[in-house]
């Protein structure tokens, strides 16, 4: 799968590497900003009480 994605990227090697890094950063930012907060609404947080 990664080789197919690599072949789809245009340009010389240095440009492919730069484009791949940019794509990874964009995907990670999308996960952090939108996907993880959306999923967190379904999970909920457990209520923990500590007694002394």
N, C-alpha and C. Protein backbone atom coordinates (compact mmCIF):
# COMPACT_ATOMS: atom_id res chain seq x y z
N UNK A 1 0.82 -1.18 0.00
CA UNK A 1 0.00 0.00 0.00
C UNK A 1 0.88 1.26 0.00
N UNK A 2 1.93 1.25 0.81
CA UNK A 2 2.78 2.43 0.86
C UNK A 2 3.51 2.67 -0.46
N UNK A 3 3.86 1.60 -1.14
CA UNK A 3 4.54 1.78 -2.43
C UNK A 3 3.58 2.38 -3.46
N UNK A 4 2.31 2.01 -3.40
CA UNK A 4 1.33 2.59 -4.31
C UNK A 4 1.14 4.08 -4.03
N UNK A 5 1.11 4.45 -2.75
CA UNK A 5 1.01 5.87 -2.42
C UNK A 5 2.26 6.62 -2.84
N UNK A 6 3.42 5.99 -2.68
CA UNK A 6 4.68 6.62 -3.06
C UNK A 6 4.73 6.88 -4.56
N UNK A 7 4.21 5.94 -5.35
CA UNK A 7 4.21 6.11 -6.81
C UNK A 7 3.24 7.20 -7.24
N UNK A 8 2.21 7.46 -6.45
CA UNK A 8 1.24 8.50 -6.81
C UNK A 8 1.77 9.90 -6.57
N UNK A 9 2.76 10.06 -5.69
CA UNK A 9 3.31 11.38 -5.41
C UNK A 9 4.14 11.86 -6.60
N UNK A 10 3.92 13.09 -7.03
CA UNK A 10 4.65 13.60 -8.19
C UNK A 10 6.01 14.17 -7.81
N UNK A 11 6.86 14.32 -8.80
CA UNK A 11 8.12 15.05 -8.63
C UNK A 11 9.32 14.20 -8.30
N UNK A 12 10.45 14.87 -8.11
CA UNK A 12 11.68 14.16 -7.76
C UNK A 12 11.65 13.67 -6.31
N UNK A 13 12.69 12.96 -5.91
CA UNK A 13 12.73 12.32 -4.60
C UNK A 13 12.59 13.33 -3.46
N UNK A 14 13.32 14.44 -3.52
CA UNK A 14 13.27 15.40 -2.42
C UNK A 14 11.88 15.99 -2.26
N UNK A 15 11.17 16.19 -3.38
CA UNK A 15 9.82 16.73 -3.33
C UNK A 15 8.83 15.70 -2.79
N UNK A 16 9.03 14.43 -3.14
CA UNK A 16 8.18 13.36 -2.62
C UNK A 16 8.32 13.24 -1.11
N UNK A 17 9.55 13.35 -0.63
CA UNK A 17 9.78 13.26 0.82
C UNK A 17 9.11 14.43 1.52
N UNK A 18 9.28 15.63 0.99
CA UNK A 18 8.66 16.81 1.57
C UNK A 18 7.14 16.70 1.56
N UNK A 19 6.59 16.26 0.46
CA UNK A 19 5.14 16.10 0.35
C UNK A 19 4.63 15.03 1.30
N UNK A 20 5.37 13.94 1.46
CA UNK A 20 4.96 12.89 2.39
C UNK A 20 4.97 13.39 3.82
N UNK A 21 5.97 14.17 4.19
CA UNK A 21 6.02 14.73 5.55
C UNK A 21 4.85 15.69 5.78
N UNK A 22 4.56 16.52 4.81
CA UNK A 22 3.44 17.45 4.92
C UNK A 22 2.12 16.69 5.06
N UNK A 23 1.94 15.64 4.29
CA UNK A 23 0.71 14.85 4.37
C UNK A 23 0.56 14.18 5.73
N UNK A 24 1.65 13.67 6.29
CA UNK A 24 1.59 13.05 7.61
C UNK A 24 1.22 14.08 8.67
N UNK A 25 1.80 15.27 8.58
CA UNK A 25 1.49 16.33 9.55
C UNK A 25 0.03 16.74 9.44
N UNK A 26 -0.48 16.85 8.23
CA UNK A 26 -1.89 17.23 8.04
C UNK A 26 -2.82 16.17 8.62
N UNK A 27 -2.51 14.91 8.40
CA UNK A 27 -3.35 13.83 8.93
C UNK A 27 -3.31 13.83 10.45
N UNK A 28 -2.14 14.00 11.04
CA UNK A 28 -2.03 14.03 12.50
C UNK A 28 -2.79 15.23 13.09
N UNK A 29 -2.67 16.38 12.47
CA UNK A 29 -3.41 17.55 12.96
C UNK A 29 -4.92 17.36 12.85
N UNK A 30 -5.38 16.75 11.77
CA UNK A 30 -6.81 16.48 11.62
C UNK A 30 -7.29 15.52 12.70
N UNK A 31 -6.48 14.51 13.01
CA UNK A 31 -6.86 13.58 14.07
C UNK A 31 -6.93 14.29 15.42
N UNK A 32 -5.92 15.09 15.73
CA UNK A 32 -5.86 15.76 17.03
C UNK A 32 -6.96 16.81 17.17
N UNK A 33 -7.22 17.57 16.12
CA UNK A 33 -8.16 18.68 16.23
C UNK A 33 -9.62 18.29 16.09
N UNK A 34 -9.93 17.28 15.27
CA UNK A 34 -11.33 16.97 15.00
C UNK A 34 -11.74 15.55 15.37
N UNK A 35 -10.96 14.57 15.03
CA UNK A 35 -11.40 13.18 15.21
C UNK A 35 -11.35 12.77 16.68
N UNK A 36 -10.23 12.99 17.37
CA UNK A 36 -10.12 12.57 18.76
C UNK A 36 -11.13 13.27 19.66
N UNK A 37 -11.35 14.59 19.54
CA UNK A 37 -12.40 15.22 20.37
C UNK A 37 -13.80 14.67 20.06
N UNK A 38 -14.07 14.36 18.82
CA UNK A 38 -15.38 13.81 18.45
C UNK A 38 -15.57 12.43 19.08
N UNK A 39 -14.54 11.59 19.04
CA UNK A 39 -14.63 10.26 19.63
C UNK A 39 -14.73 10.35 21.15
N UNK A 40 -14.08 11.34 21.73
CA UNK A 40 -14.11 11.49 23.18
C UNK A 40 -15.51 11.77 23.71
N UNK A 41 -16.37 12.36 22.89
CA UNK A 41 -17.74 12.60 23.34
C UNK A 41 -18.50 11.30 23.54
N UNK A 42 -18.11 10.23 22.88
CA UNK A 42 -18.77 8.95 23.01
C UNK A 42 -18.19 8.11 24.15
N UNK A 43 -16.97 8.38 24.54
CA UNK A 43 -16.31 7.55 25.54
C UNK A 43 -16.70 7.97 26.96
N UNK A 44 -16.63 9.24 27.25
CA UNK A 44 -16.94 9.70 28.59
C UNK A 44 -15.80 9.44 29.55
N UNK A 45 -15.84 10.10 30.68
CA UNK A 45 -14.79 9.92 31.67
C UNK A 45 -15.37 9.24 32.90
N UNK A 46 -14.63 8.30 33.46
CA UNK A 46 -15.15 7.63 34.66
C UNK A 46 -15.06 8.55 35.88
N UNK A 47 -16.04 8.43 36.76
CA UNK A 47 -16.03 9.23 37.98
C UNK A 47 -15.28 8.44 39.05
N UNK A 48 -14.18 8.98 39.48
CA UNK A 48 -13.36 8.31 40.48
C UNK A 48 -13.42 9.10 41.77
N UNK A 49 -13.71 8.40 42.85
CA UNK A 49 -13.69 9.05 44.16
C UNK A 49 -12.64 8.36 45.01
N UNK A 50 -11.91 9.14 45.76
CA UNK A 50 -10.87 8.62 46.64
C UNK A 50 -11.28 8.94 48.07
N UNK A 51 -11.34 7.91 48.88
CA UNK A 51 -11.71 8.10 50.28
C UNK A 51 -10.47 7.94 51.15
N UNK A 52 -10.41 8.75 52.20
CA UNK A 52 -9.27 8.66 53.11
C UNK A 52 -9.62 7.90 54.35
